[in-house]
PDB file of all heavy atoms in Angstrom:
ATOM      1  N   GLN A   1      12.673  -0.016  -7.381  1.00  0.00           N
ATOM      2  CA  GLN A   1      11.492  -0.351  -6.578  1.00  0.00           C
ATOM      3  C   GLN A   1      11.928  -0.969  -5.251  1.00  0.00           C
ATOM      4  O   GLN A   1      13.018  -1.535  -5.134  1.00  0.00           O
ATOM      5  CB  GLN A   1      10.604  -1.338  -7.336  1.00  0.00           C
ATOM      6  CG  GLN A   1      10.018  -0.806  -8.624  1.00  0.00           C
ATOM      7  CD  GLN A   1       9.300  -1.904  -9.402  1.00  0.00           C
ATOM      8  OE1 GLN A   1       9.804  -3.019  -9.530  1.00  0.00           O
ATOM      9  NE2 GLN A   1       8.123  -1.572  -9.899  1.00  0.00           N
ATOM     10  N   ILE A   2      11.050  -0.888  -4.299  1.00  0.00           N
ATOM     11  CA  ILE A   2      11.283  -1.540  -2.999  1.00  0.00           C
ATOM     12  C   ILE A   2      10.154  -2.539  -2.766  1.00  0.00           C
ATOM     13  O   ILE A   2       8.972  -2.221  -2.955  1.00  0.00           O
ATOM     14  CB  ILE A   2      11.322  -0.523  -1.838  1.00  0.00           C
ATOM     15  CG1 ILE A   2      12.553   0.386  -1.969  1.00  0.00           C
ATOM     16  CG2 ILE A   2      11.346  -1.242  -0.487  1.00  0.00           C
ATOM     17  CD1 ILE A   2      12.652   1.435  -0.859  1.00  0.00           C
ATOM     18  N   ILE A   3      10.533  -3.731  -2.372  1.00  0.00           N
ATOM     19  CA  ILE A   3       9.536  -4.736  -2.010  1.00  0.00           C
ATOM     20  C   ILE A   3       9.552  -4.880  -0.497  1.00  0.00           C
ATOM     21  O   ILE A   3      10.614  -4.992   0.117  1.00  0.00           O
ATOM     22  CB  ILE A   3       9.818  -6.088  -2.706  1.00  0.00           C
ATOM     23  CG1 ILE A   3       8.735  -7.107  -2.331  1.00  0.00           C
ATOM     24  CG2 ILE A   3      11.203  -6.617  -2.389  1.00  0.00           C
ATOM     25  CD1 ILE A   3       8.801  -8.385  -3.150  1.00  0.00           C
ATOM     26  N   ALA A   4       8.367  -4.853   0.094  1.00  0.00           N
ATOM     27  CA  ALA A   4       8.248  -4.922   1.554  1.00  0.00           C
ATOM     28  C   ALA A   4       7.235  -5.984   1.936  1.00  0.00           C
ATOM     29  O   ALA A   4       6.238  -6.203   1.233  1.00  0.00           O
ATOM     30  CB  ALA A   4       7.831  -3.567   2.121  1.00  0.00           C
ATOM     31  N   THR A   5       7.496  -6.624   3.068  1.00  0.00           N
ATOM     32  CA  THR A   5       6.616  -7.695   3.553  1.00  0.00           C
ATOM     33  C   THR A   5       5.752  -7.185   4.702  1.00  0.00           C
ATOM     34  O   THR A   5       6.263  -6.552   5.642  1.00  0.00           O
ATOM     35  CB  THR A   5       7.445  -8.900   4.031  1.00  0.00           C
ATOM     36  OG1 THR A   5       8.235  -9.380   2.946  1.00  0.00           O
ATOM     37  CG2 THR A   5       6.550 -10.017   4.531  1.00  0.00           C
ATOM     38  N   PHE A   6       4.434  -7.485   4.598  1.00  0.00           N
ATOM     39  CA  PHE A   6       3.463  -7.091   5.631  1.00  0.00           C
ATOM     40  C   PHE A   6       2.787  -8.366   6.141  1.00  0.00           C
ATOM     41  O   PHE A   6       1.735  -8.766   5.619  1.00  0.00           O
ATOM     42  CB  PHE A   6       2.426  -6.127   5.060  1.00  0.00           C
ATOM     43  CG  PHE A   6       2.993  -4.805   4.617  1.00  0.00           C
ATOM     44  CD1 PHE A   6       3.566  -4.662   3.361  1.00  0.00           C
ATOM     45  CD2 PHE A   6       2.945  -3.695   5.446  1.00  0.00           C
ATOM     46  CE1 PHE A   6       4.083  -3.447   2.939  1.00  0.00           C
ATOM     47  CE2 PHE A   6       3.468  -2.471   5.038  1.00  0.00           C
ATOM     48  CZ  PHE A   6       4.048  -2.346   3.785  1.00  0.00           C
ATOM     49  N   PRO A   7       3.344  -9.013   7.151  1.00  0.00           N
ATOM     50  CA  PRO A   7       2.789 -10.275   7.647  1.00  0.00           C
ATOM     51  C   PRO A   7       1.405 -10.134   8.270  1.00  0.00           C
ATOM     52  O   PRO A   7       0.623 -11.098   8.274  1.00  0.00           O
ATOM     53  CB  PRO A   7       3.818 -10.737   8.688  1.00  0.00           C
ATOM     54  CG  PRO A   7       5.052  -9.943   8.402  1.00  0.00           C
ATOM     55  CD  PRO A   7       4.579  -8.646   7.863  1.00  0.00           C
ATOM     56  N   VAL A   8       1.108  -8.950   8.815  1.00  0.00           N
ATOM     57  CA  VAL A   8      -0.194  -8.746   9.456  1.00  0.00           C
ATOM     58  C   VAL A   8      -1.216  -8.419   8.365  1.00  0.00           C
ATOM     59  O   VAL A   8      -1.107  -7.392   7.681  1.00  0.00           O
ATOM     60  CB  VAL A   8      -0.136  -7.619  10.498  1.00  0.00           C
ATOM     61  CG1 VAL A   8      -1.500  -7.437  11.159  1.00  0.00           C
ATOM     62  CG2 VAL A   8       0.935  -7.917  11.536  1.00  0.00           C
ATOM     63  N   ALA A   9      -2.200  -9.287   8.200  1.00  0.00           N
ATOM     64  CA  ALA A   9      -3.163  -9.147   7.107  1.00  0.00           C
ATOM     65  C   ALA A   9      -3.897  -7.811   7.149  1.00  0.00           C
ATOM     66  O   ALA A   9      -4.093  -7.171   6.107  1.00  0.00           O
ATOM     67  CB  ALA A   9      -4.161 -10.302   7.142  1.00  0.00           C
ATOM     68  N   ASP A  10      -4.313  -7.378   8.336  1.00  0.00           N
ATOM     69  CA  ASP A  10      -5.053  -6.113   8.445  1.00  0.00           C
ATOM     70  C   ASP A  10      -4.199  -4.938   7.966  1.00  0.00           C
ATOM     71  O   ASP A  10      -4.700  -4.026   7.293  1.00  0.00           O
ATOM     72  CB  ASP A  10      -5.497  -5.882   9.888  1.00  0.00           C
ATOM     73  CG  ASP A  10      -6.592  -6.846  10.317  1.00  0.00           C
ATOM     74  OD1 ASP A  10      -7.227  -7.438   9.413  1.00  0.00           O
ATOM     75  OD2 ASP A  10      -6.808  -7.011  11.532  1.00  0.00           O
ATOM     76  N   GLU A  11      -2.922  -4.937   8.294  1.00  0.00           N
ATOM     77  CA  GLU A  11      -2.034  -3.858   7.870  1.00  0.00           C
ATOM     78  C   GLU A  11      -1.795  -3.902   6.361  1.00  0.00           C
ATOM     79  O   GLU A  11      -1.750  -2.863   5.696  1.00  0.00           O
ATOM     80  CB  GLU A  11      -0.709  -3.945   8.626  1.00  0.00           C
ATOM     81  CG  GLU A  11      -0.860  -3.682  10.122  1.00  0.00           C
ATOM     82  CD  GLU A  11       0.430  -3.834  10.882  1.00  0.00           C
ATOM     83  OE1 GLU A  11       1.387  -4.442  10.339  1.00  0.00           O
ATOM     84  OE2 GLU A  11       0.515  -3.352  12.032  1.00  0.00           O
ATOM     85  N   LEU A  12      -1.666  -5.102   5.841  1.00  0.00           N
ATOM     86  CA  LEU A  12      -1.501  -5.265   4.392  1.00  0.00           C
ATOM     87  C   LEU A  12      -2.695  -4.681   3.642  1.00  0.00           C
ATOM     88  O   LEU A  12      -2.540  -3.890   2.694  1.00  0.00           O
ATOM     89  CB  LEU A  12      -1.337  -6.755   4.053  1.00  0.00           C
ATOM     90  CG  LEU A  12      -1.350  -7.115   2.554  1.00  0.00           C
ATOM     91  CD1 LEU A  12      -0.023  -6.702   1.923  1.00  0.00           C
ATOM     92  CD2 LEU A  12      -1.577  -8.612   2.368  1.00  0.00           C
ATOM     93  N   HIS A  13      -3.894  -5.043   4.060  1.00  0.00           N
ATOM     94  CA  HIS A  13      -5.104  -4.567   3.396  1.00  0.00           C
ATOM     95  C   HIS A  13      -5.289  -3.058   3.598  1.00  0.00           C
ATOM     96  O   HIS A  13      -5.813  -2.368   2.707  1.00  0.00           O
ATOM     97  CB  HIS A  13      -6.323  -5.333   3.929  1.00  0.00           C
ATOM     98  CG  HIS A  13      -6.273  -6.794   3.596  1.00  0.00           C
ATOM     99  ND1 HIS A  13      -6.783  -7.768   4.426  1.00  0.00           N
ATOM    100  CD2 HIS A  13      -5.761  -7.445   2.524  1.00  0.00           C
ATOM    101  CE1 HIS A  13      -6.600  -8.953   3.884  1.00  0.00           C
ATOM    102  NE2 HIS A  13      -5.979  -8.785   2.731  1.00  0.00           N
ATOM    103  N   MET A  14      -4.854  -2.554   4.742  1.00  0.00           N
ATOM    104  CA  MET A  14      -4.959  -1.116   4.986  1.00  0.00           C
ATOM    105  C   MET A  14      -4.080  -0.354   3.984  1.00  0.00           C
ATOM    106  O   MET A  14      -4.504   0.667   3.420  1.00  0.00           O
ATOM    107  CB  MET A  14      -4.513  -0.796   6.418  1.00  0.00           C
ATOM    108  CG  MET A  14      -4.527   0.697   6.745  1.00  0.00           C
ATOM    109  SD  MET A  14      -4.052   1.021   8.469  1.00  0.00           S
ATOM    110  CE  MET A  14      -2.386   0.338   8.495  1.00  0.00           C
ATOM    111  N   VAL A  15      -2.876  -0.841   3.760  1.00  0.00           N
ATOM    112  CA  VAL A  15      -1.978  -0.188   2.792  1.00  0.00           C
ATOM    113  C   VAL A  15      -2.593  -0.227   1.403  1.00  0.00           C
ATOM    114  O   VAL A  15      -2.596   0.784   0.672  1.00  0.00           O
ATOM    115  CB  VAL A  15      -0.599  -0.876   2.795  1.00  0.00           C
ATOM    116  CG1 VAL A  15       0.275  -0.324   1.668  1.00  0.00           C
ATOM    117  CG2 VAL A  15       0.091  -0.682   4.137  1.00  0.00           C
ATOM    118  N   LEU A  16      -3.134  -1.370   1.011  1.00  0.00           N
ATOM    119  CA  LEU A  16      -3.736  -1.490  -0.318  1.00  0.00           C
ATOM    120  C   LEU A  16      -4.966  -0.582  -0.458  1.00  0.00           C
ATOM    121  O   LEU A  16      -5.189  -0.002  -1.529  1.00  0.00           O
ATOM    122  CB  LEU A  16      -4.120  -2.956  -0.587  1.00  0.00           C
ATOM    123  CG  LEU A  16      -2.938  -3.947  -0.696  1.00  0.00           C
ATOM    124  CD1 LEU A  16      -3.454  -5.372  -0.819  1.00  0.00           C
ATOM    125  CD2 LEU A  16      -2.059  -3.597  -1.882  1.00  0.00           C
ATOM    126  N   ARG A  17      -5.758  -0.448   0.605  1.00  0.00           N
ATOM    127  CA  ARG A  17      -6.937   0.424   0.552  1.00  0.00           C
ATOM    128  C   ARG A  17      -6.533   1.889   0.361  1.00  0.00           C
ATOM    129  O   ARG A  17      -7.214   2.645  -0.318  1.00  0.00           O
ATOM    130  CB  ARG A  17      -7.768   0.273   1.827  1.00  0.00           C
ATOM    131  CG  ARG A  17      -8.591  -1.000   1.896  1.00  0.00           C
ATOM    132  CD  ARG A  17      -9.674  -0.883   2.965  1.00  0.00           C
ATOM    133  NE  ARG A  17      -9.139  -0.511   4.267  1.00  0.00           N
ATOM    134  CZ  ARG A  17      -8.714  -1.394   5.183  1.00  0.00           C
ATOM    135  NH1 ARG A  17      -8.750  -2.696   4.907  1.00  0.00           N
ATOM    136  NH2 ARG A  17      -8.265  -0.979   6.346  1.00  0.00           N
ATOM    137  N   HIS A  18      -5.425   2.278   0.948  1.00  0.00           N
ATOM    138  CA  HIS A  18      -4.975   3.667   0.854  1.00  0.00           C
ATOM    139  C   HIS A  18      -4.268   3.978  -0.471  1.00  0.00           C
ATOM    140  O   HIS A  18      -3.848   5.116  -0.684  1.00  0.00           O
ATOM    141  CB  HIS A  18      -4.041   3.997   2.026  1.00  0.00           C
ATOM    142  CG  HIS A  18      -4.753   4.279   3.311  1.00  0.00           C
ATOM    143  ND1 HIS A  18      -5.372   3.300   4.048  1.00  0.00           N
ATOM    144  CD2 HIS A  18      -4.962   5.450   4.002  1.00  0.00           C
ATOM    145  CE1 HIS A  18      -5.910   3.819   5.134  1.00  0.00           C
ATOM    146  NE2 HIS A  18      -5.685   5.133   5.128  1.00  0.00           N
ATOM    147  N   SER A  19      -4.150   2.973  -1.345  1.00  0.00           N
ATOM    148  CA  SER A  19      -3.461   3.208  -2.617  1.00  0.00           C
ATOM    149  C   SER A  19      -4.203   4.199  -3.510  1.00  0.00           C
ATOM    150  O   SER A  19      -3.617   4.767  -4.435  1.00  0.00           O
ATOM    151  CB  SER A  19      -3.283   1.881  -3.374  1.00  0.00           C
ATOM    152  OG  SER A  19      -4.548   1.319  -3.716  1.00  0.00           O
ATOM    153  N   ASN A  20      -5.507   4.452  -3.208  1.00  0.00           N
ATOM    154  CA  ASN A  20      -6.248   5.417  -4.023  1.00  0.00           C
ATOM    155  C   ASN A  20      -5.721   6.846  -3.828  1.00  0.00           C
ATOM    156  O   ASN A  20      -6.026   7.742  -4.611  1.00  0.00           O
ATOM    157  CB  ASN A  20      -7.746   5.346  -3.707  1.00  0.00           C
ATOM    158  CG  ASN A  20      -8.062   5.609  -2.243  1.00  0.00           C
ATOM    159  OD1 ASN A  20      -7.163   5.870  -1.437  1.00  0.00           O
ATOM    160  ND2 ASN A  20      -9.336   5.536  -1.895  1.00  0.00           N
ATOM    161  N   ARG A  21      -4.919   7.056  -2.805  1.00  0.00           N
ATOM    162  CA  ARG A  21      -4.341   8.375  -2.569  1.00  0.00           C
ATOM    163  C   ARG A  21      -3.177   8.666  -3.541  1.00  0.00           C
ATOM    164  O   ARG A  21      -2.639   9.761  -3.539  1.00  0.00           O
ATOM    165  CB  ARG A  21      -3.848   8.480  -1.125  1.00  0.00           C
ATOM    166  CG  ARG A  21      -4.964   8.328  -0.089  1.00  0.00           C
ATOM    167  CD  ARG A  21      -4.410   8.379   1.326  1.00  0.00           C
ATOM    168  NE  ARG A  21      -5.457   8.165   2.319  1.00  0.00           N
ATOM    169  CZ  ARG A  21      -6.195   9.145   2.848  1.00  0.00           C
ATOM    170  NH1 ARG A  21      -6.011  10.395   2.465  1.00  0.00           N
ATOM    171  NH2 ARG A  21      -7.123   8.870   3.743  1.00  0.00           N
ATOM    172  N   LEU A  22      -2.823   7.681  -4.341  1.00  0.00           N
ATOM    173  CA  LEU A  22      -1.705   7.855  -5.276  1.00  0.00           C
ATOM    174  C   LEU A  22      -2.168   8.281  -6.668  1.00  0.00           C
ATOM    175  O   LEU A  22      -1.340   8.421  -7.569  1.00  0.00           O
ATOM    176  CB  LEU A  22      -0.913   6.535  -5.392  1.00  0.00           C
ATOM    177  CG  LEU A  22      -0.323   5.973  -4.097  1.00  0.00           C
ATOM    178  CD1 LEU A  22       0.362   4.641  -4.357  1.00  0.00           C
ATOM    179  CD2 LEU A  22       0.646   6.969  -3.481  1.00  0.00           C
ATOM    180  N   ARG A  23      -3.464   8.512  -6.830  1.00  0.00           N
ATOM    181  CA  ARG A  23      -3.991   8.813  -8.158  1.00  0.00           C
ATOM    182  C   ARG A  23      -3.393  10.083  -8.755  1.00  0.00           C
ATOM    183  O   ARG A  23      -3.192  10.174  -9.958  1.00  0.00           O
ATOM    184  CB  ARG A  23      -5.508   8.944  -8.090  1.00  0.00           C
ATOM    185  CG  ARG A  23      -6.213   7.610  -7.814  1.00  0.00           C
ATOM    186  CD  ARG A  23      -7.699   7.808  -7.643  1.00  0.00           C
ATOM    187  NE  ARG A  23      -8.376   6.551  -7.329  1.00  0.00           N
ATOM    188  CZ  ARG A  23      -9.664   6.463  -7.002  1.00  0.00           C
ATOM    189  NH1 ARG A  23     -10.417   7.565  -6.920  1.00  0.00           N
ATOM    190  NH2 ARG A  23     -10.196   5.284  -6.730  1.00  0.00           N
ATOM    191  N   GLU A  24      -3.133  11.052  -7.950  1.00  0.00           N
ATOM    192  CA  GLU A  24      -2.591  12.319  -8.443  1.00  0.00           C
ATOM    193  C   GLU A  24      -1.065  12.359  -8.363  1.00  0.00           C
ATOM    194  O   GLU A  24      -0.461  13.421  -8.485  1.00  0.00           O
ATOM    195  CB  GLU A  24      -3.179  13.485  -7.617  1.00  0.00           C
ATOM    196  CG  GLU A  24      -4.704  13.559  -7.627  1.00  0.00           C
ATOM    197  CD  GLU A  24      -5.269  13.720  -9.035  1.00  0.00           C
ATOM    198  OE1 GLU A  24      -4.607  14.399  -9.857  1.00  0.00           O
ATOM    199  OE2 GLU A  24      -6.345  13.161  -9.308  1.00  0.00           O
ATOM    200  N   THR A  25      -0.450  11.233  -8.134  1.00  0.00           N
ATOM    201  CA  THR A  25       1.013  11.170  -8.044  1.00  0.00           C
ATOM    202  C   THR A  25       1.560  10.215  -9.104  1.00  0.00           C
ATOM    203  O   THR A  25       0.797   9.586  -9.850  1.00  0.00           O
ATOM    204  CB  THR A  25       1.465  10.676  -6.660  1.00  0.00           C
ATOM    205  OG1 THR A  25       1.198   9.264  -6.554  1.00  0.00           O
ATOM    206  CG2 THR A  25       0.731  11.410  -5.557  1.00  0.00           C
ATOM    207  N   LYS A  26       2.872  10.109  -9.129  1.00  0.00           N
ATOM    208  CA  LYS A  26       3.527   9.145 -10.015  1.00  0.00           C
ATOM    209  C   LYS A  26       4.159   8.021  -9.210  1.00  0.00           C
ATOM    210  O   LYS A  26       5.086   7.353  -9.669  1.00  0.00           O
ATOM    211  CB  LYS A  26       4.580   9.845 -10.878  1.00  0.00           C
ATOM    212  CG  LYS A  26       3.958  10.792 -11.909  1.00  0.00           C
ATOM    213  CD  LYS A  26       5.016  11.360 -12.842  1.00  0.00           C
ATOM    214  CE  LYS A  26       4.366  12.267 -13.893  1.00  0.00           C
ATOM    215  NZ  LYS A  26       5.374  12.843 -14.825  1.00  0.00           N
ATOM    216  N   HIS A  27       3.619   7.853  -7.996  1.00  0.00           N
ATOM    217  CA  HIS A  27       4.005   6.707  -7.183  1.00  0.00           C
ATOM    218  C   HIS A  27       3.000   5.579  -7.441  1.00  0.00           C
ATOM    219  O   HIS A  27       1.822   5.833  -7.717  1.00  0.00           O
ATOM    220  CB  HIS A  27       3.964   7.052  -5.687  1.00  0.00           C
ATOM    221  CG  HIS A  27       4.877   8.179  -5.300  1.00  0.00           C
ATOM    222  ND1 HIS A  27       6.225   8.176  -5.546  1.00  0.00           N
ATOM    223  CD2 HIS A  27       4.608   9.352  -4.655  1.00  0.00           C
ATOM    224  CE1 HIS A  27       6.763   9.277  -5.074  1.00  0.00           C
ATOM    225  NE2 HIS A  27       5.804  10.029  -4.531  1.00  0.00           N
TER     226      HIS A  27
END
Protein backbone atom coordinates (compact mmCIF):
# COMPACT_ATOMS: atom_id res chain seq x y z
CA GLN A 1 0.00 0.00 0.00
CA ILE A 2 0.98 3.62 -0.40
CA ILE A 3 0.09 6.27 2.14
CA ALA A 4 -0.10 9.84 0.86
CA THR A 5 -0.67 13.16 2.59
CA PHE A 6 -3.17 15.73 1.25
CA PRO A 7 -2.76 18.92 3.32
CA VAL A 8 -5.31 20.84 1.25
CA ALA A 9 -8.72 19.90 2.67
CA ASP A 10 -10.60 20.49 -0.60
CA GLU A 11 -8.25 18.16 -2.49
CA LEU A 12 -8.50 15.52 0.22
CA HIS A 13 -12.30 15.54 0.09
CA MET A 14 -12.24 15.53 -3.71
CA VAL A 15 -10.17 12.33 -3.72
CA LEU A 16 -12.51 10.70 -1.20
CA ARG A 17 -15.59 11.73 -3.22
CA HIS A 18 -14.15 10.11 -6.35
CA SER A 19 -13.61 6.80 -4.52
CA ASN A 20 -16.98 5.61 -5.88
CA ARG A 21 -15.22 5.12 -9.22
CA LEU A 22 -13.40 2.14 -7.69
CA ARG A 23 -16.52 0.00 -7.31
CA GLU A 24 -15.81 -2.05 -10.41
CA THR A 25 -12.10 -2.40 -9.62
CA LYS A 26 -9.96 -4.12 -7.02
CA HIS A 27 -8.34 -0.88 -5.99
